[in-house]
N, C-alpha and C. Protein backbone atom coordinates (compact mmCIF):
# COMPACT_ATOMS: atom_id res chain seq x y z
N MET A 1 1.13 35.85 52.32
CA MET A 1 2.21 36.07 51.38
C MET A 1 3.43 36.59 52.15
N THR A 2 4.55 36.06 51.79
CA THR A 2 5.76 36.53 52.44
C THR A 2 6.40 37.60 51.58
N ASN A 3 7.10 38.41 52.23
CA ASN A 3 7.77 39.53 51.58
C ASN A 3 8.96 39.00 50.77
N PRO A 4 9.21 39.52 49.56
CA PRO A 4 10.36 39.06 48.77
C PRO A 4 11.69 39.29 49.49
N LEU A 5 11.78 40.30 50.28
CA LEU A 5 13.01 40.56 51.02
C LEU A 5 13.26 39.46 52.04
N VAL A 6 12.20 38.99 52.72
CA VAL A 6 12.33 37.92 53.71
C VAL A 6 12.75 36.62 53.01
N ARG A 7 12.20 36.37 51.84
CA ARG A 7 12.58 35.17 51.06
C ARG A 7 14.06 35.19 50.74
N LYS A 8 14.55 36.31 50.27
CA LYS A 8 15.95 36.43 49.91
C LYS A 8 16.85 36.18 51.11
N ILE A 9 16.47 36.74 52.27
CA ILE A 9 17.28 36.57 53.48
C ILE A 9 17.32 35.10 53.88
N VAL A 10 16.17 34.41 53.80
CA VAL A 10 16.11 32.99 54.18
C VAL A 10 16.96 32.16 53.23
N LEU A 11 16.85 32.42 51.91
CA LEU A 11 17.63 31.66 50.93
C LEU A 11 19.13 31.88 51.10
N TRP A 12 19.55 33.14 51.33
CA TRP A 12 20.97 33.41 51.50
C TRP A 12 21.51 32.79 52.78
N SER A 13 20.71 32.79 53.84
CA SER A 13 21.19 32.19 55.09
C SER A 13 21.29 30.68 54.94
N ALA A 14 20.36 30.03 54.18
CA ALA A 14 20.45 28.59 53.95
C ALA A 14 21.68 28.26 53.12
N LEU A 15 21.99 29.09 52.12
CA LEU A 15 23.18 28.90 51.31
C LEU A 15 24.44 29.02 52.14
N ALA A 16 24.49 30.02 53.01
CA ALA A 16 25.66 30.22 53.87
C ALA A 16 25.85 29.04 54.82
N ALA A 17 24.75 28.51 55.38
CA ALA A 17 24.84 27.36 56.31
C ALA A 17 25.37 26.13 55.57
N THR A 18 24.93 25.94 54.31
CA THR A 18 25.38 24.79 53.52
C THR A 18 26.87 24.90 53.24
N LEU A 19 27.33 26.08 52.87
CA LEU A 19 28.75 26.27 52.59
C LEU A 19 29.60 26.03 53.83
N LEU A 20 29.14 26.50 55.00
CA LEU A 20 29.89 26.28 56.24
C LEU A 20 29.97 24.79 56.58
N ALA A 21 28.89 24.06 56.31
CA ALA A 21 28.89 22.62 56.60
C ALA A 21 29.88 21.90 55.68
N VAL A 22 29.96 22.29 54.41
CA VAL A 22 30.89 21.67 53.48
C VAL A 22 32.33 21.95 53.89
N ILE A 23 32.61 23.17 54.29
CA ILE A 23 33.95 23.53 54.72
C ILE A 23 34.33 22.77 55.98
N ALA A 24 33.40 22.60 56.91
CA ALA A 24 33.69 21.89 58.16
C ALA A 24 33.99 20.42 57.87
N ILE A 25 33.31 19.81 56.92
CA ILE A 25 33.55 18.41 56.59
C ILE A 25 34.91 18.25 55.91
N ASP A 26 35.27 19.20 55.03
CA ASP A 26 36.55 19.11 54.33
C ASP A 26 37.74 19.27 55.27
N GLU A 27 37.57 19.97 56.39
CA GLU A 27 38.69 20.19 57.31
C GLU A 27 39.00 18.96 58.16
N GLU A 28 38.14 17.93 58.15
CA GLU A 28 38.38 16.72 58.92
C GLU A 28 39.58 15.99 58.31
N PRO A 29 40.54 15.53 59.08
CA PRO A 29 41.73 14.87 58.53
C PRO A 29 41.36 13.56 57.83
N GLU A 30 42.11 13.24 56.77
CA GLU A 30 41.82 12.06 55.96
C GLU A 30 42.12 10.78 56.71
N GLU A 31 43.11 10.77 57.62
CA GLU A 31 43.44 9.56 58.35
C GLU A 31 42.27 9.08 59.19
N SER A 32 41.53 10.00 59.76
CA SER A 32 40.40 9.58 60.59
C SER A 32 39.31 8.94 59.74
N ARG A 33 39.12 9.44 58.50
CA ARG A 33 38.12 8.85 57.61
C ARG A 33 38.54 7.44 57.19
N VAL A 34 39.82 7.25 56.92
CA VAL A 34 40.31 5.93 56.51
C VAL A 34 40.22 4.95 57.67
N ASP A 35 40.55 5.38 58.86
CA ASP A 35 40.49 4.49 60.03
C ASP A 35 39.07 4.03 60.29
N THR A 36 38.12 4.91 60.17
CA THR A 36 36.73 4.51 60.43
C THR A 36 36.26 3.52 59.37
N ALA A 37 36.72 3.69 58.14
CA ALA A 37 36.33 2.75 57.09
C ALA A 37 36.96 1.39 57.34
N ALA A 38 38.19 1.37 57.80
CA ALA A 38 38.87 0.11 58.06
C ALA A 38 38.24 -0.61 59.24
N GLU A 39 37.80 0.13 60.24
CA GLU A 39 37.19 -0.49 61.41
C GLU A 39 35.82 -1.07 61.08
N ALA A 40 35.16 -0.50 60.10
CA ALA A 40 33.82 -0.97 59.77
C ALA A 40 33.84 -2.36 59.14
N VAL A 41 34.89 -2.70 58.42
CA VAL A 41 34.96 -4.00 57.75
C VAL A 41 36.03 -4.83 58.44
N LEU A 42 35.61 -5.64 59.35
CA LEU A 42 36.53 -6.53 60.04
C LEU A 42 36.32 -7.94 59.52
N PRO A 43 37.40 -8.68 59.26
CA PRO A 43 37.23 -10.04 58.76
C PRO A 43 36.65 -10.94 59.86
N THR A 44 35.78 -11.84 59.44
CA THR A 44 35.19 -12.78 60.39
C THR A 44 35.90 -14.11 60.28
N ARG A 45 35.49 -15.05 61.10
CA ARG A 45 36.14 -16.34 61.14
C ARG A 45 35.93 -17.11 59.83
N ASN A 46 34.72 -16.98 59.18
CA ASN A 46 34.42 -17.68 57.92
C ASN A 46 35.31 -17.19 56.79
N VAL A 47 35.60 -15.90 56.77
CA VAL A 47 36.43 -15.36 55.72
C VAL A 47 37.84 -15.93 55.84
N ASP A 48 38.33 -16.09 57.05
CA ASP A 48 39.67 -16.65 57.24
C ASP A 48 39.75 -18.08 56.71
N ARG A 49 38.71 -18.89 56.93
CA ARG A 49 38.71 -20.27 56.44
C ARG A 49 38.74 -20.30 54.91
N ARG A 50 37.95 -19.41 54.30
CA ARG A 50 37.89 -19.39 52.84
C ARG A 50 39.23 -18.99 52.23
N THR A 51 39.87 -17.99 52.81
CA THR A 51 41.16 -17.56 52.26
C THR A 51 42.21 -18.65 52.45
N ARG A 52 42.17 -19.36 53.55
CA ARG A 52 43.13 -20.44 53.77
C ARG A 52 42.91 -21.56 52.76
N ALA A 53 41.64 -21.90 52.48
CA ALA A 53 41.33 -22.97 51.53
C ALA A 53 41.78 -22.57 50.13
N SER A 54 41.56 -21.30 49.75
CA SER A 54 41.98 -20.87 48.42
C SER A 54 43.50 -20.84 48.32
N ASP A 55 44.20 -20.49 49.43
CA ASP A 55 45.66 -20.52 49.41
C ASP A 55 46.17 -21.95 49.22
N ASN A 56 45.51 -22.92 49.87
CA ASN A 56 45.92 -24.32 49.73
C ASN A 56 45.70 -24.80 48.31
N ARG A 57 44.59 -24.40 47.70
CA ARG A 57 44.30 -24.83 46.33
C ARG A 57 45.29 -24.23 45.34
N SER A 58 45.70 -22.98 45.56
CA SER A 58 46.63 -22.35 44.62
C SER A 58 48.00 -23.01 44.67
N ASN A 59 48.34 -23.64 45.79
CA ASN A 59 49.63 -24.31 45.90
C ASN A 59 49.62 -25.66 45.18
N GLN A 60 48.44 -26.25 44.96
CA GLN A 60 48.35 -27.54 44.29
C GLN A 60 48.43 -27.34 42.78
N THR A 61 48.88 -28.37 42.07
CA THR A 61 48.94 -28.30 40.61
C THR A 61 47.81 -29.14 40.04
N LEU A 62 47.35 -28.73 38.90
CA LEU A 62 46.27 -29.42 38.20
C LEU A 62 46.86 -30.53 37.35
N PRO A 63 46.40 -31.77 37.50
CA PRO A 63 46.97 -32.88 36.72
C PRO A 63 46.42 -32.86 35.29
N VAL A 64 47.04 -32.07 34.42
CA VAL A 64 46.58 -31.90 33.05
C VAL A 64 46.79 -33.17 32.24
N ASP A 65 47.83 -33.93 32.54
CA ASP A 65 48.12 -35.13 31.75
C ASP A 65 47.04 -36.19 31.88
N GLN A 66 46.20 -36.13 32.93
CA GLN A 66 45.13 -37.10 33.10
C GLN A 66 43.88 -36.72 32.31
N LEU A 67 43.81 -35.52 31.78
CA LEU A 67 42.62 -35.08 31.06
C LEU A 67 42.46 -35.79 29.73
N GLY A 68 43.50 -36.14 29.06
CA GLY A 68 43.42 -36.81 27.77
C GLY A 68 43.36 -35.79 26.65
N LYS A 69 43.41 -36.31 25.43
CA LYS A 69 43.40 -35.43 24.28
C LYS A 69 41.97 -35.28 23.77
N ARG A 70 41.71 -34.13 23.22
CA ARG A 70 40.39 -33.84 22.68
C ARG A 70 40.31 -34.39 21.26
N THR A 71 39.22 -35.07 20.96
CA THR A 71 39.04 -35.61 19.62
C THR A 71 37.89 -34.89 18.94
N PHE A 72 38.01 -34.74 17.62
CA PHE A 72 36.98 -34.09 16.83
C PHE A 72 36.23 -35.15 16.04
N LYS A 73 34.94 -34.99 15.98
CA LYS A 73 34.11 -35.94 15.25
C LYS A 73 33.92 -35.44 13.82
N ALA A 74 33.62 -36.36 12.93
CA ALA A 74 33.42 -36.02 11.53
C ALA A 74 32.15 -35.19 11.35
N GLU A 75 31.18 -35.31 12.26
CA GLU A 75 29.93 -34.56 12.14
C GLU A 75 30.15 -33.06 12.33
N ALA A 76 31.27 -32.71 12.96
CA ALA A 76 31.53 -31.29 13.22
C ALA A 76 31.72 -30.53 11.92
N ASP A 77 32.17 -31.19 10.86
CA ASP A 77 32.36 -30.59 9.55
C ASP A 77 33.35 -29.43 9.66
N ASP A 78 33.19 -28.44 8.86
CA ASP A 78 34.11 -27.30 8.84
C ASP A 78 33.59 -26.23 9.79
N ILE A 79 34.30 -25.99 10.88
CA ILE A 79 33.81 -25.03 11.87
C ILE A 79 33.97 -23.59 11.42
N PHE A 80 34.75 -23.35 10.38
CA PHE A 80 34.94 -22.00 9.88
C PHE A 80 34.15 -21.74 8.59
N ALA A 81 33.25 -22.62 8.25
CA ALA A 81 32.47 -22.45 7.02
C ALA A 81 31.49 -21.29 7.17
N VAL A 82 31.17 -20.65 6.07
CA VAL A 82 30.21 -19.56 6.08
C VAL A 82 28.82 -20.16 6.09
N ASN A 83 28.00 -19.73 7.03
CA ASN A 83 26.63 -20.23 7.13
C ASN A 83 25.67 -19.17 6.62
N SER A 84 24.70 -19.62 5.85
CA SER A 84 23.73 -18.70 5.28
C SER A 84 22.43 -19.45 5.05
N TRP A 85 21.32 -18.70 5.02
CA TRP A 85 20.03 -19.30 4.70
C TRP A 85 19.88 -19.48 3.20
N GLN A 86 20.68 -18.79 2.42
CA GLN A 86 20.60 -18.91 0.97
C GLN A 86 21.24 -20.22 0.53
N PRO A 87 20.63 -20.92 -0.43
CA PRO A 87 21.26 -22.15 -0.91
C PRO A 87 22.53 -21.83 -1.69
N PRO A 88 23.50 -22.70 -1.64
CA PRO A 88 24.74 -22.43 -2.38
C PRO A 88 24.46 -22.45 -3.87
N PRO A 89 25.22 -21.70 -4.64
CA PRO A 89 25.03 -21.72 -6.09
C PRO A 89 25.29 -23.11 -6.66
N VAL A 90 24.68 -23.40 -7.79
CA VAL A 90 24.80 -24.72 -8.40
C VAL A 90 26.26 -25.02 -8.72
N ASN A 91 27.01 -24.04 -9.21
CA ASN A 91 28.42 -24.24 -9.55
C ASN A 91 29.23 -24.62 -8.32
N ALA A 92 28.94 -24.03 -7.18
CA ALA A 92 29.69 -24.31 -5.96
C ALA A 92 29.44 -25.74 -5.50
N ARG A 93 28.19 -26.22 -5.67
CA ARG A 93 27.90 -27.59 -5.27
C ARG A 93 28.64 -28.58 -6.15
N LYS A 94 28.72 -28.31 -7.44
CA LYS A 94 29.41 -29.23 -8.33
C LYS A 94 30.90 -29.26 -8.04
N LYS A 95 31.47 -28.10 -7.69
CA LYS A 95 32.90 -28.06 -7.36
C LYS A 95 33.18 -28.79 -6.06
N ALA A 96 32.23 -28.77 -5.14
CA ALA A 96 32.44 -29.36 -3.83
C ALA A 96 32.43 -30.88 -3.87
N GLY A 97 31.95 -31.47 -4.93
CA GLY A 97 31.99 -32.93 -4.96
C GLY A 97 30.86 -33.53 -5.75
N GLY A 98 30.03 -32.74 -6.36
CA GLY A 98 28.99 -33.28 -7.21
C GLY A 98 27.69 -33.50 -6.47
N ASP A 99 26.70 -33.95 -7.22
CA ASP A 99 25.37 -34.16 -6.66
C ASP A 99 25.28 -35.47 -5.87
N GLU A 100 26.25 -36.39 -6.03
CA GLU A 100 26.18 -37.66 -5.34
C GLU A 100 26.19 -37.47 -3.82
N GLU A 101 27.05 -36.57 -3.35
CA GLU A 101 27.13 -36.31 -1.92
C GLU A 101 25.89 -35.59 -1.43
N ASP A 102 25.32 -34.73 -2.26
CA ASP A 102 24.20 -33.90 -1.84
C ASP A 102 22.91 -34.69 -1.74
N GLU A 103 22.81 -35.86 -2.36
CA GLU A 103 21.57 -36.62 -2.30
C GLU A 103 21.29 -37.13 -0.91
N ASP A 104 22.30 -37.23 -0.06
CA ASP A 104 22.07 -37.64 1.32
C ASP A 104 21.57 -36.48 2.17
N ASP A 105 21.77 -35.28 1.72
CA ASP A 105 21.37 -34.08 2.45
C ASP A 105 19.87 -33.85 2.26
N PRO A 106 19.07 -33.86 3.34
CA PRO A 106 17.62 -33.67 3.18
C PRO A 106 17.27 -32.28 2.64
N PHE A 107 18.09 -31.30 2.92
CA PHE A 107 17.80 -29.95 2.42
C PHE A 107 17.98 -29.90 0.91
N PHE A 108 18.98 -30.61 0.40
CA PHE A 108 19.20 -30.63 -1.05
C PHE A 108 18.04 -31.33 -1.74
N VAL A 109 17.57 -32.41 -1.17
CA VAL A 109 16.44 -33.14 -1.76
C VAL A 109 15.20 -32.25 -1.75
N ALA A 110 14.98 -31.52 -0.67
CA ALA A 110 13.81 -30.64 -0.60
C ALA A 110 13.93 -29.51 -1.61
N ARG A 111 15.14 -28.97 -1.81
CA ARG A 111 15.32 -27.90 -2.79
C ARG A 111 15.07 -28.42 -4.19
N ARG A 112 15.52 -29.64 -4.46
CA ARG A 112 15.33 -30.21 -5.78
C ARG A 112 13.84 -30.47 -6.02
N ALA A 113 13.12 -30.94 -4.98
CA ALA A 113 11.70 -31.26 -5.13
C ALA A 113 10.86 -30.00 -5.32
N SER A 114 11.23 -28.93 -4.65
CA SER A 114 10.43 -27.70 -4.79
C SER A 114 10.90 -26.93 -6.01
N LYS A 115 9.96 -26.54 -6.81
CA LYS A 115 10.29 -25.77 -8.00
C LYS A 115 10.29 -24.29 -7.64
N PRO A 116 11.18 -23.53 -8.22
CA PRO A 116 11.17 -22.10 -7.92
C PRO A 116 9.89 -21.46 -8.46
N LEU A 117 9.41 -20.52 -7.72
CA LEU A 117 8.19 -19.82 -8.13
C LEU A 117 8.48 -18.97 -9.35
N PRO A 118 7.58 -18.98 -10.31
CA PRO A 118 7.79 -18.14 -11.48
C PRO A 118 7.66 -16.67 -11.10
N ALA A 119 8.38 -15.85 -11.81
CA ALA A 119 8.29 -14.41 -11.54
C ALA A 119 6.90 -13.93 -11.89
N PRO A 120 6.33 -13.06 -11.05
CA PRO A 120 4.98 -12.59 -11.34
C PRO A 120 4.96 -11.79 -12.65
N THR A 121 3.96 -12.06 -13.44
CA THR A 121 3.84 -11.33 -14.71
C THR A 121 3.29 -9.95 -14.43
N PRO A 122 3.85 -8.94 -15.05
CA PRO A 122 3.36 -7.59 -14.81
C PRO A 122 1.94 -7.42 -15.35
N VAL A 123 1.16 -6.66 -14.63
CA VAL A 123 -0.23 -6.44 -15.00
C VAL A 123 -0.46 -4.94 -15.08
N ALA A 124 -1.07 -4.52 -16.15
CA ALA A 124 -1.40 -3.10 -16.32
C ALA A 124 -2.62 -2.77 -15.47
N PRO A 125 -2.74 -1.54 -15.01
CA PRO A 125 -3.92 -1.16 -14.24
C PRO A 125 -5.16 -1.19 -15.14
N PRO A 126 -6.34 -1.25 -14.54
CA PRO A 126 -7.55 -1.25 -15.36
C PRO A 126 -7.59 0.00 -16.25
N LEU A 127 -8.11 -0.18 -17.43
CA LEU A 127 -8.16 0.90 -18.42
C LEU A 127 -9.17 1.95 -17.95
N ALA A 128 -8.68 3.11 -17.58
CA ALA A 128 -9.54 4.19 -17.06
C ALA A 128 -9.78 5.25 -18.12
N ILE A 129 -10.08 4.79 -19.33
CA ILE A 129 -10.33 5.70 -20.45
C ILE A 129 -11.77 5.52 -20.89
N LYS A 130 -12.43 6.64 -21.12
CA LYS A 130 -13.83 6.61 -21.56
C LYS A 130 -13.89 7.08 -23.02
N TYR A 131 -14.60 6.33 -23.84
CA TYR A 131 -14.77 6.64 -25.26
C TYR A 131 -15.97 7.58 -25.42
N LEU A 132 -15.77 8.72 -26.14
CA LEU A 132 -16.86 9.67 -26.37
C LEU A 132 -17.38 9.61 -27.79
N GLY A 133 -16.51 9.37 -28.74
CA GLY A 133 -16.95 9.31 -30.13
C GLY A 133 -15.76 9.39 -31.06
N ARG A 134 -16.07 9.52 -32.40
CA ARG A 134 -15.00 9.58 -33.39
C ARG A 134 -15.42 10.51 -34.52
N VAL A 135 -14.40 10.96 -35.26
CA VAL A 135 -14.62 11.80 -36.43
C VAL A 135 -13.59 11.38 -37.47
N SER A 136 -14.02 11.34 -38.74
CA SER A 136 -13.12 10.94 -39.81
C SER A 136 -13.29 11.89 -40.99
N ASP A 137 -12.18 12.33 -41.59
CA ASP A 137 -12.24 13.21 -42.76
C ASP A 137 -11.89 12.44 -44.04
N GLY A 138 -11.90 11.15 -43.98
CA GLY A 138 -11.59 10.31 -45.12
C GLY A 138 -10.18 9.77 -45.06
N ARG A 139 -9.21 10.55 -44.61
CA ARG A 139 -7.83 10.09 -44.50
C ARG A 139 -7.50 9.69 -43.07
N VAL A 140 -7.81 10.53 -42.12
CA VAL A 140 -7.43 10.32 -40.72
C VAL A 140 -8.69 10.20 -39.88
N THR A 141 -8.68 9.21 -38.99
CA THR A 141 -9.78 9.05 -38.04
C THR A 141 -9.27 9.43 -36.66
N ARG A 142 -10.01 10.29 -35.99
CA ARG A 142 -9.67 10.70 -34.63
C ARG A 142 -10.78 10.23 -33.70
N VAL A 143 -10.35 9.80 -32.51
CA VAL A 143 -11.33 9.40 -31.49
C VAL A 143 -11.23 10.38 -30.33
N PHE A 144 -12.39 10.62 -29.71
CA PHE A 144 -12.46 11.52 -28.56
C PHE A 144 -12.53 10.64 -27.30
N LEU A 145 -11.55 10.87 -26.44
CA LEU A 145 -11.42 10.05 -25.23
C LEU A 145 -11.31 10.96 -24.01
N VAL A 146 -11.65 10.42 -22.84
CA VAL A 146 -11.50 11.11 -21.56
C VAL A 146 -10.65 10.23 -20.66
N HIS A 147 -9.57 10.81 -20.14
CA HIS A 147 -8.70 10.11 -19.19
C HIS A 147 -8.38 11.07 -18.06
N GLN A 148 -8.74 10.69 -16.85
CA GLN A 148 -8.53 11.51 -15.65
C GLN A 148 -9.07 12.92 -15.83
N GLU A 149 -10.31 13.00 -16.30
CA GLU A 149 -11.04 14.25 -16.48
C GLU A 149 -10.39 15.20 -17.49
N LYS A 150 -9.57 14.65 -18.38
CA LYS A 150 -8.98 15.44 -19.47
C LYS A 150 -9.49 14.87 -20.79
N ASN A 151 -9.83 15.76 -21.72
CA ASN A 151 -10.34 15.34 -23.03
C ASN A 151 -9.20 15.26 -24.02
N TYR A 152 -9.23 14.22 -24.88
CA TYR A 152 -8.21 14.00 -25.88
C TYR A 152 -8.89 13.69 -27.22
N ALA A 153 -8.37 14.29 -28.28
CA ALA A 153 -8.76 13.94 -29.64
C ALA A 153 -7.50 13.34 -30.28
N THR A 154 -7.45 12.03 -30.34
CA THR A 154 -6.22 11.34 -30.75
C THR A 154 -6.42 10.53 -32.01
N LYS A 155 -5.32 10.34 -32.71
CA LYS A 155 -5.30 9.45 -33.88
C LYS A 155 -4.31 8.33 -33.59
N VAL A 156 -4.21 7.36 -34.47
CA VAL A 156 -3.34 6.21 -34.28
C VAL A 156 -1.89 6.68 -34.16
N GLY A 157 -1.20 6.19 -33.10
CA GLY A 157 0.20 6.52 -32.87
C GLY A 157 0.41 7.62 -31.84
N GLU A 158 -0.63 8.35 -31.48
CA GLU A 158 -0.49 9.44 -30.49
C GLU A 158 -0.61 8.88 -29.07
N ARG A 159 -0.04 9.65 -28.16
CA ARG A 159 -0.02 9.24 -26.75
C ARG A 159 -1.11 9.96 -25.98
N ILE A 160 -1.59 9.26 -24.96
CA ILE A 160 -2.63 9.81 -24.09
C ILE A 160 -2.02 9.96 -22.71
N ASP A 161 -1.82 11.18 -22.30
CA ASP A 161 -1.31 11.51 -20.96
C ASP A 161 0.05 10.86 -20.67
N GLY A 162 0.80 10.48 -21.68
CA GLY A 162 2.12 9.88 -21.50
C GLY A 162 2.09 8.45 -20.98
N LEU A 163 0.87 7.90 -20.76
CA LEU A 163 0.75 6.55 -20.23
C LEU A 163 0.28 5.54 -21.27
N TYR A 164 -0.52 6.00 -22.22
CA TYR A 164 -1.10 5.10 -23.22
C TYR A 164 -0.76 5.59 -24.61
N ARG A 165 -0.70 4.64 -25.55
CA ARG A 165 -0.53 4.96 -26.96
C ARG A 165 -1.66 4.27 -27.73
N LEU A 166 -2.32 5.01 -28.60
CA LEU A 166 -3.40 4.45 -29.41
C LEU A 166 -2.77 3.71 -30.58
N ASP A 167 -3.00 2.38 -30.65
CA ASP A 167 -2.38 1.55 -31.69
C ASP A 167 -3.29 1.36 -32.90
N SER A 168 -4.58 1.12 -32.67
CA SER A 168 -5.48 0.93 -33.82
C SER A 168 -6.90 1.30 -33.44
N ILE A 169 -7.64 1.70 -34.47
CA ILE A 169 -9.04 2.05 -34.29
C ILE A 169 -9.84 1.13 -35.20
N ARG A 170 -10.71 0.33 -34.60
CA ARG A 170 -11.60 -0.52 -35.38
C ARG A 170 -13.03 -0.13 -35.05
N ASP A 171 -13.98 -0.77 -35.67
CA ASP A 171 -15.38 -0.39 -35.48
C ASP A 171 -15.86 -0.65 -34.06
N ASP A 172 -15.40 -1.73 -33.45
CA ASP A 172 -15.90 -2.10 -32.14
C ASP A 172 -14.84 -2.07 -31.02
N VAL A 173 -13.56 -1.88 -31.36
CA VAL A 173 -12.49 -1.96 -30.37
C VAL A 173 -11.41 -0.92 -30.66
N LEU A 174 -10.91 -0.32 -29.58
CA LEU A 174 -9.71 0.52 -29.66
C LEU A 174 -8.58 -0.28 -29.00
N GLU A 175 -7.46 -0.38 -29.68
CA GLU A 175 -6.31 -1.08 -29.10
C GLU A 175 -5.32 -0.04 -28.61
N LEU A 176 -4.95 -0.15 -27.34
CA LEU A 176 -4.02 0.78 -26.70
C LEU A 176 -2.88 0.01 -26.08
N THR A 177 -1.74 0.67 -25.89
CA THR A 177 -0.59 0.07 -25.20
C THR A 177 -0.30 0.87 -23.95
N TYR A 178 -0.23 0.17 -22.81
CA TYR A 178 0.17 0.81 -21.56
C TYR A 178 1.69 0.93 -21.59
N LEU A 179 2.20 2.14 -21.76
CA LEU A 179 3.61 2.37 -22.06
C LEU A 179 4.59 1.97 -20.95
N PRO A 180 4.32 2.20 -19.66
CA PRO A 180 5.32 1.82 -18.65
C PRO A 180 5.67 0.32 -18.66
N LEU A 181 4.70 -0.54 -19.01
CA LEU A 181 4.97 -1.98 -19.01
C LEU A 181 4.94 -2.58 -20.41
N GLY A 182 4.50 -1.82 -21.41
CA GLY A 182 4.43 -2.32 -22.77
C GLY A 182 3.33 -3.35 -22.97
N ILE A 183 2.26 -3.25 -22.19
CA ILE A 183 1.17 -4.23 -22.25
C ILE A 183 0.04 -3.66 -23.11
N LYS A 184 -0.46 -4.49 -24.00
CA LYS A 184 -1.56 -4.08 -24.88
C LYS A 184 -2.88 -4.29 -24.16
N GLN A 185 -3.80 -3.31 -24.35
CA GLN A 185 -5.13 -3.39 -23.76
C GLN A 185 -6.15 -3.02 -24.82
N LYS A 186 -7.37 -3.51 -24.63
CA LYS A 186 -8.44 -3.23 -25.58
C LYS A 186 -9.57 -2.52 -24.87
N LEU A 187 -10.12 -1.51 -25.56
CA LEU A 187 -11.29 -0.78 -25.06
C LEU A 187 -12.43 -1.06 -26.03
N VAL A 188 -13.43 -1.79 -25.53
CA VAL A 188 -14.58 -2.13 -26.37
C VAL A 188 -15.46 -0.90 -26.48
N ILE A 189 -15.80 -0.52 -27.73
CA ILE A 189 -16.62 0.66 -27.95
C ILE A 189 -17.91 0.25 -28.63
N ASN A 190 -18.91 1.04 -28.41
CA ASN A 190 -20.21 0.82 -29.03
C ASN A 190 -20.71 2.20 -29.42
N GLU A 191 -20.91 2.44 -30.70
CA GLU A 191 -21.33 3.77 -31.17
C GLU A 191 -22.67 4.19 -30.60
N LYS A 192 -23.53 3.22 -30.26
CA LYS A 192 -24.85 3.56 -29.74
C LYS A 192 -24.78 4.10 -28.34
N THR A 193 -23.77 3.64 -27.54
CA THR A 193 -23.68 4.04 -26.14
C THR A 193 -22.51 4.96 -25.89
N SER A 194 -21.97 5.60 -26.92
CA SER A 194 -20.81 6.45 -26.71
C SER A 194 -21.19 7.67 -25.88
N GLY A 195 -20.30 8.02 -24.96
CA GLY A 195 -20.53 9.17 -24.10
C GLY A 195 -21.32 8.87 -22.87
N LYS A 196 -21.90 7.67 -22.74
CA LYS A 196 -22.68 7.30 -21.57
C LYS A 196 -21.82 6.43 -20.64
N THR A 197 -22.09 6.47 -19.35
CA THR A 197 -21.35 5.64 -18.41
C THR A 197 -22.16 4.48 -17.94
């Protein structure tokens, strides 16, 4: 192990030597640095030939009149047209010249041949309600249901957990409406197996 005092002395002496070297380099005159750089890059014979050839070329004129005029082909169409993967709206096609012109376009024929996909019909999740039983006092019939481990005693028109509404109670079927989508669902009940899974 070295002594911390010896470490400090070594580090300070290295720092002092570095600073002296930087100062010694800065005191060198700038002309000598430029001269050495200029001497390092001397032109060779090949470079002289290249510069002479480029000077000769710059003195010549380019015969532009022999190039001719540029012509545009009809296939180029409109170079400033907006391009998109989306088909143009039907109204835009009719304004552009009608369907007669579009029948030559293979993309238009393919679009006409393919029918748009129908929008997917919304589907309610499976009915996760369990029927436990019913009670009737002559005027009102209530059914006992379980939804997400919560018990409900509901009558016609009441909501179950804010997701379902009981629409009708029959002997063998309960009709419910899934409220977020407005889809009607049926829960088949059997008095003999009520409360069993």
